[in-house]
Amino acid sequence: MNKKSDFNKRLFFLAISIVLNSFSNALTVASHCGSALWTASSVNLSEWFNFPLGTVLFVEGIAVVIANGLLLKHFDWHRMLGNLVFMVPFSYLVGAISSGLDTHGFLNLPLSVRIIADALGIVGIGVAVSIYQRANIVLHPNDDLTYIVRFKFMNGKAAVAQWVSYIPAISIILLTFIVTHHIYSIGLGTILAFILQGAVTGWADRHVFTTLKHHLNV
């Protein structure tokens, strides 16, 4: 496969992964059964400052872009611009889809249905992360953080890297709880994400769109 065809293939998978990741995150928010930790941290900040979720996701992402540059010990402006390009559709798609699900009464569904939807959302996030990490055209900065930790510090171990990269998100959630005495988007889905999301990403690397290989850039 020539370079142009390979790039077009990776671009196609990137588009799929952004939609899958946005919908999956929105599903966990709308289910009110627990979101992945980074999304939960944004929800808590959104409630604390009374800002739209999409805006908080975007601002939080910018902070992680800067942290990634510090970890890499240089600021790769092309990579950072790619992070920003990813964040725009992702952040506002999550906000719009979760609001749309709320408007259409998703919260009124039986708890058992919402728990299943939440679990599927967590799995969907892990699969989406695998797809766009392998395509590696642009990444969400949160997942770029995991990617940097995974291949720069953890010898490619997806699950361990995921746990380490959650430390800032957990810190944000604890801070908002200390200040507001409330906590949002933490539940069964959060536990599943903490335990399984990295493993799901590693599993998807081997079993989902197997012709798509990692294009390392760390």
N, C-alpha and C. Protein backbone atom coordinates (compact mmCIF):
# COMPACT_ATOMS: atom_id res chain seq x y z
N MET A 1 0.85 -1.19 0.00
CA MET A 1 0.00 0.00 0.00
C MET A 1 0.89 1.25 0.00
N ASN A 2 0.63 2.21 -0.92
CA ASN A 2 1.44 3.41 -0.97
C ASN A 2 1.07 4.36 0.16
N LYS A 3 1.90 5.39 0.36
CA LYS A 3 1.71 6.28 1.50
C LYS A 3 0.37 7.02 1.46
N LYS A 4 -0.06 7.43 0.25
CA LYS A 4 -1.32 8.16 0.14
C LYS A 4 -2.49 7.27 0.52
N SER A 5 -2.49 6.02 0.01
CA SER A 5 -3.57 5.09 0.33
C SER A 5 -3.58 4.77 1.82
N ASP A 6 -2.38 4.61 2.40
CA ASP A 6 -2.29 4.31 3.83
C ASP A 6 -2.83 5.48 4.65
N PHE A 7 -2.49 6.70 4.26
CA PHE A 7 -2.98 7.88 4.98
C PHE A 7 -4.49 8.00 4.87
N ASN A 8 -5.04 7.76 3.69
CA ASN A 8 -6.49 7.83 3.50
C ASN A 8 -7.20 6.79 4.35
N LYS A 9 -6.60 5.62 4.45
CA LYS A 9 -7.16 4.55 5.29
C LYS A 9 -7.18 4.99 6.75
N ARG A 10 -6.07 5.55 7.20
CA ARG A 10 -5.98 6.01 8.59
C ARG A 10 -6.94 7.16 8.85
N LEU A 11 -7.14 8.04 7.88
CA LEU A 11 -8.07 9.16 8.02
C LEU A 11 -9.50 8.64 8.14
N PHE A 12 -9.84 7.62 7.37
CA PHE A 12 -11.17 7.00 7.43
C PHE A 12 -11.43 6.43 8.81
N PHE A 13 -10.44 5.71 9.36
CA PHE A 13 -10.60 5.13 10.69
C PHE A 13 -10.65 6.21 11.77
N LEU A 14 -9.92 7.29 11.56
CA LEU A 14 -9.98 8.41 12.50
C LEU A 14 -11.40 8.96 12.60
N ALA A 15 -12.04 9.16 11.46
CA ALA A 15 -13.41 9.69 11.44
C ALA A 15 -14.36 8.75 12.18
N ILE A 16 -14.22 7.45 11.93
CA ILE A 16 -15.06 6.47 12.62
C ILE A 16 -14.85 6.57 14.13
N SER A 17 -13.59 6.66 14.54
CA SER A 17 -13.28 6.65 15.97
C SER A 17 -13.78 7.90 16.69
N ILE A 18 -13.74 9.06 16.03
CA ILE A 18 -14.22 10.30 16.66
C ILE A 18 -15.73 10.19 16.93
N VAL A 19 -16.46 9.71 15.95
CA VAL A 19 -17.91 9.55 16.12
C VAL A 19 -18.21 8.53 17.22
N LEU A 20 -17.51 7.38 17.17
CA LEU A 20 -17.73 6.33 18.17
C LEU A 20 -17.38 6.83 19.57
N ASN A 21 -16.26 7.52 19.69
CA ASN A 21 -15.82 8.02 21.00
C ASN A 21 -16.79 9.07 21.54
N SER A 22 -17.23 9.99 20.68
CA SER A 22 -18.16 11.03 21.12
C SER A 22 -19.48 10.43 21.58
N PHE A 23 -20.04 9.52 20.76
CA PHE A 23 -21.31 8.91 21.12
C PHE A 23 -21.19 8.08 22.40
N SER A 24 -20.09 7.34 22.54
CA SER A 24 -19.90 6.48 23.71
C SER A 24 -19.77 7.31 24.98
N ASN A 25 -19.01 8.41 24.91
CA ASN A 25 -18.89 9.28 26.08
C ASN A 25 -20.23 9.93 26.43
N ALA A 26 -20.96 10.37 25.40
CA ALA A 26 -22.27 10.98 25.64
C ALA A 26 -23.23 9.98 26.27
N LEU A 27 -23.13 8.72 25.86
CA LEU A 27 -23.98 7.67 26.41
C LEU A 27 -23.71 7.50 27.90
N THR A 28 -22.45 7.55 28.30
CA THR A 28 -22.13 7.39 29.73
C THR A 28 -22.61 8.60 30.54
N VAL A 29 -22.53 9.78 29.96
CA VAL A 29 -23.01 10.98 30.66
C VAL A 29 -24.53 10.93 30.82
N ALA A 30 -25.23 10.62 29.74
CA ALA A 30 -26.69 10.63 29.76
C ALA A 30 -27.28 9.50 30.61
N SER A 31 -26.54 8.41 30.76
CA SER A 31 -27.05 7.28 31.55
C SER A 31 -27.08 7.59 33.04
N HIS A 32 -26.24 8.55 33.48
CA HIS A 32 -26.11 8.89 34.89
C HIS A 32 -25.74 7.68 35.74
N CYS A 33 -24.98 6.77 35.13
CA CYS A 33 -24.52 5.58 35.85
C CYS A 33 -23.00 5.55 35.99
N GLY A 34 -22.36 6.64 35.62
CA GLY A 34 -20.91 6.72 35.77
C GLY A 34 -20.20 6.84 34.43
N SER A 35 -19.36 7.86 34.31
CA SER A 35 -18.60 8.09 33.08
C SER A 35 -17.15 7.71 33.29
N ALA A 36 -16.42 7.61 32.17
CA ALA A 36 -14.98 7.44 32.26
C ALA A 36 -14.40 8.62 33.03
N LEU A 37 -13.26 8.42 33.67
CA LEU A 37 -12.77 9.39 34.65
C LEU A 37 -12.52 10.78 34.07
N TRP A 38 -11.93 10.87 32.88
CA TRP A 38 -11.69 12.19 32.30
C TRP A 38 -13.00 12.91 32.01
N THR A 39 -13.96 12.18 31.46
CA THR A 39 -15.27 12.80 31.20
C THR A 39 -15.95 13.19 32.50
N ALA A 40 -15.85 12.32 33.51
CA ALA A 40 -16.44 12.63 34.81
C ALA A 40 -15.80 13.87 35.41
N SER A 41 -14.50 14.04 35.24
CA SER A 41 -13.84 15.23 35.78
C SER A 41 -14.38 16.49 35.10
N SER A 42 -14.64 16.41 33.79
CA SER A 42 -15.21 17.56 33.08
C SER A 42 -16.63 17.85 33.52
N VAL A 43 -17.42 16.81 33.74
CA VAL A 43 -18.80 16.99 34.21
C VAL A 43 -18.79 17.70 35.56
N ASN A 44 -17.89 17.29 36.46
CA ASN A 44 -17.82 17.91 37.78
C ASN A 44 -17.38 19.37 37.69
N LEU A 45 -16.42 19.65 36.82
CA LEU A 45 -16.01 21.04 36.62
C LEU A 45 -17.14 21.87 36.01
N SER A 46 -17.89 21.25 35.09
CA SER A 46 -19.02 21.92 34.46
C SER A 46 -20.08 22.30 35.49
N GLU A 47 -20.35 21.37 36.41
CA GLU A 47 -21.33 21.65 37.47
C GLU A 47 -20.81 22.69 38.45
N TRP A 48 -19.53 22.64 38.75
CA TRP A 48 -18.93 23.57 39.70
C TRP A 48 -18.98 25.00 39.16
N PHE A 49 -18.55 25.20 37.93
CA PHE A 49 -18.46 26.55 37.37
C PHE A 49 -19.69 26.95 36.55
N ASN A 50 -20.63 26.01 36.39
CA ASN A 50 -21.85 26.26 35.62
C ASN A 50 -21.54 26.68 34.18
N PHE A 51 -20.56 25.97 33.57
CA PHE A 51 -20.21 26.17 32.18
C PHE A 51 -20.71 24.99 31.36
N PRO A 52 -20.98 25.19 30.05
CA PRO A 52 -21.40 24.08 29.20
C PRO A 52 -20.34 22.97 29.19
N LEU A 53 -20.80 21.73 29.15
CA LEU A 53 -19.88 20.59 29.19
C LEU A 53 -18.89 20.63 28.04
N GLY A 54 -19.36 20.97 26.84
CA GLY A 54 -18.47 21.00 25.68
C GLY A 54 -17.32 21.97 25.87
N THR A 55 -17.62 23.13 26.46
CA THR A 55 -16.58 24.14 26.71
C THR A 55 -15.57 23.65 27.72
N VAL A 56 -16.05 23.01 28.79
CA VAL A 56 -15.15 22.49 29.82
C VAL A 56 -14.26 21.39 29.25
N LEU A 57 -14.83 20.51 28.45
CA LEU A 57 -14.03 19.46 27.81
C LEU A 57 -12.91 20.06 26.98
N PHE A 58 -13.22 21.13 26.28
CA PHE A 58 -12.23 21.78 25.41
C PHE A 58 -11.12 22.43 26.24
N VAL A 59 -11.49 23.18 27.27
CA VAL A 59 -10.49 23.87 28.09
C VAL A 59 -9.62 22.87 28.84
N GLU A 60 -10.23 21.83 29.38
CA GLU A 60 -9.47 20.80 30.08
C GLU A 60 -8.48 20.15 29.11
N GLY A 61 -8.93 19.95 27.87
CA GLY A 61 -8.05 19.36 26.87
C GLY A 61 -6.83 20.21 26.59
N ILE A 62 -7.00 21.53 26.54
CA ILE A 62 -5.87 22.43 26.32
C ILE A 62 -4.83 22.28 27.43
N ALA A 63 -5.31 22.15 28.68
CA ALA A 63 -4.38 21.97 29.80
C ALA A 63 -3.58 20.67 29.64
N VAL A 64 -4.23 19.64 29.16
CA VAL A 64 -3.53 18.35 28.97
C VAL A 64 -2.55 18.44 27.80
N VAL A 65 -2.87 19.22 26.77
CA VAL A 65 -1.94 19.44 25.66
C VAL A 65 -0.61 19.98 26.20
N ILE A 66 -0.69 20.95 27.09
CA ILE A 66 0.51 21.54 27.67
C ILE A 66 1.27 20.50 28.50
N ALA A 67 0.54 19.71 29.29
CA ALA A 67 1.17 18.66 30.10
C ALA A 67 1.89 17.64 29.22
N ASN A 68 1.28 17.29 28.08
CA ASN A 68 1.90 16.33 27.16
C ASN A 68 3.23 16.87 26.63
N GLY A 69 3.26 18.16 26.31
CA GLY A 69 4.50 18.77 25.83
C GLY A 69 5.60 18.69 26.88
N LEU A 70 5.22 18.88 28.13
CA LEU A 70 6.20 18.79 29.22
C LEU A 70 6.73 17.36 29.37
N LEU A 71 5.85 16.37 29.22
CA LEU A 71 6.28 14.97 29.31
C LEU A 71 7.23 14.60 28.17
N LEU A 72 6.95 15.12 26.98
CA LEU A 72 7.81 14.84 25.82
C LEU A 72 9.09 15.67 25.84
N LYS A 73 9.14 16.66 26.75
CA LYS A 73 10.29 17.54 26.91
C LYS A 73 10.52 18.45 25.70
N HIS A 74 9.49 18.59 24.90
CA HIS A 74 9.52 19.59 23.83
C HIS A 74 8.08 19.80 23.36
N PHE A 75 7.83 20.96 22.78
CA PHE A 75 6.49 21.25 22.29
C PHE A 75 6.44 21.01 20.79
N ASP A 76 5.80 19.89 20.44
CA ASP A 76 5.62 19.53 19.03
C ASP A 76 4.36 20.25 18.55
N TRP A 77 4.54 21.37 17.86
CA TRP A 77 3.41 22.22 17.50
C TRP A 77 2.46 21.52 16.54
N HIS A 78 2.99 20.66 15.67
CA HIS A 78 2.12 19.90 14.76
C HIS A 78 1.24 18.95 15.56
N ARG A 79 1.83 18.28 16.52
CA ARG A 79 1.08 17.35 17.37
C ARG A 79 0.05 18.10 18.21
N MET A 80 0.45 19.24 18.77
CA MET A 80 -0.46 20.02 19.59
C MET A 80 -1.63 20.56 18.79
N LEU A 81 -1.35 21.00 17.56
CA LEU A 81 -2.43 21.46 16.68
C LEU A 81 -3.38 20.32 16.38
N GLY A 82 -2.83 19.12 16.17
CA GLY A 82 -3.67 17.94 15.94
C GLY A 82 -4.58 17.66 17.12
N ASN A 83 -4.03 17.80 18.35
CA ASN A 83 -4.87 17.65 19.54
C ASN A 83 -6.04 18.61 19.53
N LEU A 84 -5.77 19.87 19.16
CA LEU A 84 -6.83 20.88 19.12
C LEU A 84 -7.86 20.56 18.04
N VAL A 85 -7.38 20.08 16.89
CA VAL A 85 -8.29 19.71 15.80
C VAL A 85 -9.21 18.58 16.25
N PHE A 86 -8.68 17.63 17.00
CA PHE A 86 -9.50 16.53 17.50
C PHE A 86 -10.53 17.03 18.50
N MET A 87 -10.10 17.93 19.39
CA MET A 87 -10.97 18.35 20.49
C MET A 87 -12.22 19.09 20.04
N VAL A 88 -12.15 19.84 18.96
CA VAL A 88 -13.30 20.66 18.56
C VAL A 88 -14.52 19.80 18.26
N PRO A 89 -14.44 18.84 17.31
CA PRO A 89 -15.65 18.04 17.06
C PRO A 89 -16.00 17.15 18.25
N PHE A 90 -14.98 16.57 18.90
CA PHE A 90 -15.25 15.66 20.01
C PHE A 90 -15.97 16.36 21.15
N SER A 91 -15.43 17.48 21.62
CA SER A 91 -15.99 18.16 22.79
C SER A 91 -17.44 18.55 22.58
N TYR A 92 -17.73 19.13 21.44
CA TYR A 92 -19.08 19.63 21.21
C TYR A 92 -20.05 18.54 20.77
N LEU A 93 -19.53 17.47 20.16
CA LEU A 93 -20.39 16.32 19.87
C LEU A 93 -20.84 15.65 21.16
N VAL A 94 -19.93 15.49 22.11
CA VAL A 94 -20.31 14.89 23.40
C VAL A 94 -21.38 15.74 24.08
N GLY A 95 -21.16 17.05 24.12
CA GLY A 95 -22.14 17.93 24.74
C GLY A 95 -23.48 17.89 24.05
N ALA A 96 -23.48 17.94 22.72
CA ALA A 96 -24.73 17.95 21.95
C ALA A 96 -25.48 16.63 22.05
N ILE A 97 -24.75 15.51 21.92
CA ILE A 97 -25.40 14.19 21.95
C ILE A 97 -25.96 13.91 23.34
N SER A 98 -25.18 14.21 24.40
CA SER A 98 -25.67 13.94 25.76
C SER A 98 -26.90 14.81 26.06
N SER A 99 -26.88 16.06 25.61
CA SER A 99 -28.06 16.93 25.80
C SER A 99 -29.26 16.40 25.03
N GLY A 100 -29.01 15.93 23.82
CA GLY A 100 -30.08 15.37 23.01
C GLY A 100 -30.69 14.13 23.64
N LEU A 101 -29.85 13.27 24.20
CA LEU A 101 -30.36 12.07 24.88
C LEU A 101 -31.18 12.47 26.11
N ASP A 102 -30.72 13.48 26.83
CA ASP A 102 -31.49 13.96 27.99
C ASP A 102 -32.85 14.49 27.55
N THR A 103 -32.84 15.28 26.48
CA THR A 103 -34.08 15.88 25.98
C THR A 103 -35.10 14.83 25.57
N HIS A 104 -34.60 13.72 25.03
CA HIS A 104 -35.50 12.66 24.56
C HIS A 104 -35.80 11.61 25.64
N GLY A 105 -35.52 11.96 26.88
CA GLY A 105 -35.97 11.12 27.99
C GLY A 105 -35.13 9.90 28.27
N PHE A 106 -33.84 9.96 27.92
CA PHE A 106 -32.98 8.78 28.16
C PHE A 106 -32.94 8.44 29.64
N LEU A 107 -32.98 9.46 30.50
CA LEU A 107 -32.91 9.22 31.94
C LEU A 107 -34.16 8.52 32.47
N ASN A 108 -35.25 8.53 31.70
CA ASN A 108 -36.49 7.89 32.14
C ASN A 108 -36.52 6.39 31.83
N LEU A 109 -35.51 5.91 31.11
CA LEU A 109 -35.44 4.48 30.82
C LEU A 109 -35.17 3.70 32.11
N PRO A 110 -35.55 2.42 32.16
CA PRO A 110 -35.27 1.61 33.36
C PRO A 110 -33.78 1.60 33.70
N LEU A 111 -33.48 1.53 34.98
CA LEU A 111 -32.09 1.56 35.43
C LEU A 111 -31.26 0.46 34.78
N SER A 112 -31.85 -0.72 34.62
CA SER A 112 -31.10 -1.84 34.03
C SER A 112 -30.67 -1.52 32.59
N VAL A 113 -31.54 -0.84 31.85
CA VAL A 113 -31.22 -0.46 30.48
C VAL A 113 -30.10 0.58 30.47
N ARG A 114 -30.16 1.53 31.39
CA ARG A 114 -29.14 2.58 31.45
C ARG A 114 -27.78 2.02 31.88
N ILE A 115 -27.81 1.03 32.76
CA ILE A 115 -26.55 0.38 33.18
C ILE A 115 -25.90 -0.33 32.00
N ILE A 116 -26.71 -1.05 31.21
CA ILE A 116 -26.19 -1.73 30.02
C ILE A 116 -25.64 -0.72 29.02
N ALA A 117 -26.40 0.36 28.82
CA ALA A 117 -25.95 1.41 27.90
C ALA A 117 -24.64 2.03 28.37
N ASP A 118 -24.52 2.24 29.67
CA ASP A 118 -23.31 2.81 30.25
C ASP A 118 -22.12 1.88 30.02
N ALA A 119 -22.31 0.59 30.26
CA ALA A 119 -21.23 -0.38 30.06
C ALA A 119 -20.82 -0.44 28.59
N LEU A 120 -21.80 -0.39 27.71
CA LEU A 120 -21.49 -0.38 26.27
C LEU A 120 -20.72 0.89 25.90
N GLY A 121 -21.08 2.00 26.54
CA GLY A 121 -20.37 3.25 26.30
C GLY A 121 -18.91 3.15 26.70
N ILE A 122 -18.63 2.54 27.85
CA ILE A 122 -17.26 2.37 28.32
C ILE A 122 -16.47 1.50 27.34
N VAL A 123 -17.09 0.41 26.89
CA VAL A 123 -16.42 -0.46 25.90
C VAL A 123 -16.18 0.31 24.60
N GLY A 124 -17.19 1.08 24.18
CA GLY A 124 -17.05 1.87 22.95
C GLY A 124 -15.91 2.86 23.02
N ILE A 125 -15.73 3.48 24.19
CA ILE A 125 -14.61 4.42 24.37
C ILE A 125 -13.28 3.70 24.21
N GLY A 126 -13.15 2.55 24.85
CA GLY A 126 -11.90 1.79 24.76
C GLY A 126 -11.57 1.38 23.33
N VAL A 127 -12.59 0.96 22.59
CA VAL A 127 -12.39 0.56 21.19
C VAL A 127 -12.01 1.77 20.34
N ALA A 128 -12.72 2.89 20.55
CA ALA A 128 -12.44 4.10 19.79
C ALA A 128 -11.01 4.59 20.03
N VAL A 129 -10.57 4.54 21.29
CA VAL A 129 -9.21 4.96 21.62
C VAL A 129 -8.20 4.10 20.88
N SER A 130 -8.44 2.80 20.86
CA SER A 130 -7.55 1.89 20.13
C SER A 130 -7.45 2.28 18.66
N ILE A 131 -8.58 2.58 18.06
CA ILE A 131 -8.61 2.87 16.62
C ILE A 131 -7.83 4.14 16.31
N TYR A 132 -8.10 5.23 17.04
CA TYR A 132 -7.41 6.46 16.64
C TYR A 132 -6.00 6.55 17.19
N GLN A 133 -5.66 5.76 18.22
CA GLN A 133 -4.26 5.69 18.61
C GLN A 133 -3.44 4.98 17.53
N ARG A 134 -4.03 3.96 16.94
CA ARG A 134 -3.31 3.24 15.87
C ARG A 134 -3.22 4.09 14.61
N ALA A 135 -4.30 4.79 14.29
CA ALA A 135 -4.26 5.67 13.11
C ALA A 135 -3.23 6.78 13.33
N ASN A 136 -3.22 7.33 14.55
CA ASN A 136 -2.23 8.31 15.00
C ASN A 136 -2.03 9.45 13.99
N ILE A 137 -3.14 10.01 13.53
CA ILE A 137 -3.08 11.25 12.74
C ILE A 137 -3.23 12.43 13.68
N VAL A 138 -4.34 12.44 14.40
CA VAL A 138 -4.53 13.37 15.52
C VAL A 138 -5.15 12.57 16.65
N LEU A 139 -4.85 12.97 17.88
CA LEU A 139 -5.38 12.30 19.06
C LEU A 139 -6.01 13.32 19.99
N HIS A 140 -7.00 12.86 20.76
CA HIS A 140 -7.45 13.70 21.85
C HIS A 140 -6.31 13.79 22.85
N PRO A 141 -6.04 14.97 23.43
CA PRO A 141 -4.88 15.09 24.32
C PRO A 141 -4.91 14.14 25.51
N ASN A 142 -6.10 13.81 26.03
CA ASN A 142 -6.19 12.86 27.14
C ASN A 142 -5.65 11.50 26.73
N ASP A 143 -6.01 11.08 25.52
CA ASP A 143 -5.57 9.78 25.04
C ASP A 143 -4.14 9.84 24.51
N ASP A 144 -3.73 11.02 24.05
CA ASP A 144 -2.33 11.21 23.70
C ASP A 144 -1.47 11.07 24.96
N LEU A 145 -1.97 11.56 26.08
CA LEU A 145 -1.28 11.39 27.36
C LEU A 145 -1.09 9.90 27.66
N THR A 146 -2.16 9.13 27.53
CA THR A 146 -2.07 7.69 27.75
C THR A 146 -1.08 7.05 26.78
N TYR A 147 -1.13 7.50 25.53
CA TYR A 147 -0.25 6.97 24.48
C TYR A 147 1.21 7.26 24.81
N ILE A 148 1.50 8.48 25.27
CA ILE A 148 2.87 8.86 25.64
C ILE A 148 3.34 8.02 26.83
N VAL A 149 2.49 7.91 27.85
CA VAL A 149 2.84 7.12 29.02
C VAL A 149 3.04 5.66 28.64
N ARG A 150 2.16 5.15 27.77
CA ARG A 150 2.20 3.74 27.39
C ARG A 150 3.51 3.38 26.69
N PHE A 151 3.92 4.17 25.72
CA PHE A 151 5.07 3.78 24.91
C PHE A 151 6.38 4.44 25.36
N LYS A 152 6.31 5.49 26.15
CA LYS A 152 7.53 6.15 26.61
C LYS A 152 7.98 5.64 27.98
N PHE A 153 6.99 5.24 28.81
CA PHE A 153 7.32 4.88 30.18
C PHE A 153 6.88 3.47 30.59
N MET A 154 5.91 2.87 29.90
CA MET A 154 5.32 1.61 30.36
C MET A 154 5.53 0.44 29.39
N ASN A 155 6.47 0.56 28.50
CA ASN A 155 6.81 -0.54 27.59
C ASN A 155 5.60 -1.10 26.84
N GLY A 156 4.68 -0.22 26.46
CA GLY A 156 3.54 -0.62 25.64
C GLY A 156 2.38 -1.22 26.39
N LYS A 157 2.42 -1.23 27.72
CA LYS A 157 1.35 -1.85 28.52
C LYS A 157 0.16 -0.90 28.61
N ALA A 158 -0.90 -1.24 27.88
CA ALA A 158 -2.05 -0.34 27.75
C ALA A 158 -2.77 -0.12 29.07
N ALA A 159 -3.03 -1.21 29.81
CA ALA A 159 -3.82 -1.10 31.04
C ALA A 159 -3.10 -0.26 32.09
N VAL A 160 -1.80 -0.52 32.30
CA VAL A 160 -1.03 0.22 33.30
C VAL A 160 -0.94 1.70 32.93
N ALA A 161 -0.69 1.97 31.66
CA ALA A 161 -0.62 3.36 31.19
C ALA A 161 -1.93 4.09 31.40
N GLN A 162 -3.05 3.38 31.18
CA GLN A 162 -4.36 3.99 31.38
C GLN A 162 -4.55 4.39 32.83
N TRP A 163 -4.18 3.50 33.75
CA TRP A 163 -4.34 3.80 35.19
C TRP A 163 -3.49 5.00 35.59
N VAL A 164 -2.25 5.04 35.13
CA VAL A 164 -1.35 6.15 35.49
C VAL A 164 -1.90 7.48 34.95
N SER A 165 -2.41 7.44 33.72
CA SER A 165 -2.89 8.68 33.09
C SER A 165 -4.18 9.20 33.72
N TYR A 166 -4.83 8.37 34.54
CA TYR A 166 -6.05 8.80 35.22
C TYR A 166 -5.77 9.67 36.44
N ILE A 167 -4.52 9.73 36.91
CA ILE A 167 -4.21 10.45 38.14
C ILE A 167 -4.67 11.91 38.11
N PRO A 168 -4.42 12.68 37.02
CA PRO A 168 -4.91 14.06 37.01
C PRO A 168 -6.44 14.17 37.08
N ALA A 169 -7.14 13.27 36.37
CA ALA A 169 -8.60 13.30 36.38
C ALA A 169 -9.15 13.02 37.77
N ILE A 170 -8.57 12.03 38.44
CA ILE A 170 -8.99 11.71 39.81
C ILE A 170 -8.75 12.90 40.73
N SER A 171 -7.62 13.57 40.55
CA SER A 171 -7.29 14.74 41.37
C SER A 171 -8.32 15.85 41.17
N ILE A 172 -8.76 16.06 39.91
CA ILE A 172 -9.76 17.09 39.63
C ILE A 172 -11.08 16.76 40.32
N ILE A 173 -11.49 15.50 40.23
CA ILE A 173 -12.75 15.07 40.85
C ILE A 173 -12.70 15.26 42.37
N LEU A 174 -11.57 14.89 42.98
CA LEU A 174 -11.43 15.07 44.43
C LEU A 174 -11.47 16.55 44.81
N LEU A 175 -10.82 17.39 44.01
CA LEU A 175 -10.82 18.83 44.29
C LEU A 175 -12.23 19.40 44.21
N THR A 176 -12.97 19.05 43.17
CA THR A 176 -14.33 19.58 43.03
C THR A 176 -15.23 19.09 44.17
N PHE A 177 -15.01 17.86 44.62
CA PHE A 177 -15.81 17.33 45.74
C PHE A 177 -15.50 18.09 47.03
N ILE A 178 -14.20 18.37 47.26
CA ILE A 178 -13.81 19.10 48.47
C ILE A 178 -14.44 20.49 48.49
N VAL A 179 -14.50 21.15 47.32
CA VAL A 179 -15.00 22.53 47.25
C VAL A 179 -16.54 22.56 47.25
N THR A 180 -17.17 21.68 46.47
CA THR A 180 -18.63 21.76 46.28
C THR A 180 -19.41 20.80 47.17
N HIS A 181 -18.75 19.78 47.69
CA HIS A 181 -19.40 18.73 48.49
C HIS A 181 -20.41 17.93 47.67
N HIS A 182 -20.26 17.97 46.35
CA HIS A 182 -21.09 17.17 45.45
C HIS A 182 -20.17 16.44 44.46
N ILE A 183 -20.68 15.35 43.95
CA ILE A 183 -19.91 14.59 42.97
C ILE A 183 -20.87 14.10 41.88
N TYR A 184 -20.44 14.19 40.65
CA TYR A 184 -21.30 13.88 39.51
C TYR A 184 -20.60 12.88 38.57
N SER A 185 -21.42 12.10 37.86
CA SER A 185 -20.95 11.18 36.83
C SER A 185 -19.97 10.13 37.35
N ILE A 186 -20.06 9.84 38.63
CA ILE A 186 -19.25 8.77 39.21
C ILE A 186 -20.19 7.63 39.58
N GLY A 187 -19.88 6.43 39.13
CA GLY A 187 -20.74 5.28 39.41
C GLY A 187 -20.13 4.02 38.86
N LEU A 188 -21.00 3.07 38.53
CA LEU A 188 -20.54 1.77 38.04
C LEU A 188 -19.67 1.93 36.79
N GLY A 189 -20.09 2.81 35.89
CA GLY A 189 -19.34 3.01 34.65
C GLY A 189 -17.93 3.51 34.92
N THR A 190 -17.77 4.35 35.95
CA THR A 190 -16.45 4.87 36.31
C THR A 190 -15.54 3.73 36.77
N ILE A 191 -16.10 2.84 37.58
CA ILE A 191 -15.33 1.69 38.07
C ILE A 191 -14.93 0.80 36.89
N LEU A 192 -15.89 0.55 35.99
CA LEU A 192 -15.60 -0.27 34.82
C LEU A 192 -14.50 0.36 33.96
N ALA A 193 -14.59 1.69 33.79
CA ALA A 193 -13.59 2.38 32.98
C ALA A 193 -12.21 2.28 33.62
N PHE A 194 -12.16 2.47 34.94
CA PHE A 194 -10.88 2.43 35.64
C PHE A 194 -10.23 1.05 35.54
N ILE A 195 -11.06 0.01 35.68
CA ILE A 195 -10.52 -1.35 35.69
C ILE A 195 -10.28 -1.88 34.28
N LEU A 196 -11.21 -1.57 33.36
CA LEU A 196 -11.23 -2.29 32.09
C LEU A 196 -10.85 -1.49 30.85
N GLN A 197 -10.90 -0.15 30.89
CA GLN A 197 -10.77 0.59 29.63
C GLN A 197 -9.42 0.35 28.96
N GLY A 198 -8.35 0.35 29.74
CA GLY A 198 -7.04 0.08 29.15
C GLY A 198 -6.97 -1.31 28.57
N ALA A 199 -7.56 -2.29 29.27
CA ALA A 199 -7.56 -3.66 28.77
C ALA A 199 -8.40 -3.78 27.50
N VAL A 200 -9.53 -3.05 27.45
CA VAL A 200 -10.36 -3.06 26.24
C VAL A 200 -9.58 -2.48 25.06
N THR A 201 -8.83 -1.40 25.32
CA THR A 201 -8.01 -0.79 24.26
C THR A 201 -6.98 -1.79 23.75
N GLY A 202 -6.31 -2.49 24.67
CA GLY A 202 -5.34 -3.50 24.27
C GLY A 202 -5.98 -4.64 23.49
N TRP A 203 -7.19 -5.05 23.93
CA TRP A 203 -7.91 -6.12 23.23
C TRP A 203 -8.30 -5.66 21.82
N ALA A 204 -8.79 -4.43 21.71
CA ALA A 204 -9.21 -3.90 20.41
C ALA A 204 -8.02 -3.79 19.46
N ASP A 205 -6.83 -3.49 19.99
CA ASP A 205 -5.63 -3.44 19.15
C ASP A 205 -5.45 -4.75 18.39
N ARG A 206 -5.81 -5.85 19.05
CA ARG A 206 -5.57 -7.18 18.47
C ARG A 206 -6.76 -7.72 17.68
N HIS A 207 -7.97 -7.18 17.93
CA HIS A 207 -9.16 -7.83 17.38
C HIS A 207 -10.08 -6.92 16.56
N VAL A 208 -9.92 -5.61 16.63
CA VAL A 208 -10.80 -4.68 15.91
C VAL A 208 -10.00 -3.99 14.81
N PHE A 209 -10.47 -4.13 13.57
CA PHE A 209 -9.77 -3.54 12.41
C PHE A 209 -8.28 -3.90 12.46
N THR A 210 -8.00 -5.19 12.40
CA THR A 210 -6.64 -5.69 12.64
C THR A 210 -5.64 -5.26 11.56
N THR A 211 -6.12 -4.78 10.42
CA THR A 211 -5.18 -4.31 9.39
C THR A 211 -4.60 -2.95 9.74
N LEU A 212 -5.20 -2.28 10.73
CA LEU A 212 -4.71 -0.97 11.16
C LEU A 212 -3.66 -1.17 12.24
N LYS A 213 -2.43 -0.80 11.93
CA LYS A 213 -1.31 -1.01 12.86
C LYS A 213 -0.91 0.31 13.52
N HIS A 214 -0.19 0.20 14.64
CA HIS A 214 0.28 1.40 15.34
C HIS A 214 1.31 2.15 14.49
N HIS A 215 1.14 3.45 14.43
CA HIS A 215 2.11 4.34 13.80
C HIS A 215 2.72 5.18 14.91
N LEU A 216 3.81 4.66 15.48
CA LEU A 216 4.37 5.24 16.70
C LEU A 216 4.97 6.62 16.44
N ASN A 217 4.76 7.49 17.46
CA ASN A 217 5.31 8.85 17.37
C ASN A 217 5.49 9.37 18.78
N VAL A 218 6.45 8.77 19.51
CA VAL A 218 6.70 9.17 20.91
C VAL A 218 8.20 9.36 21.11
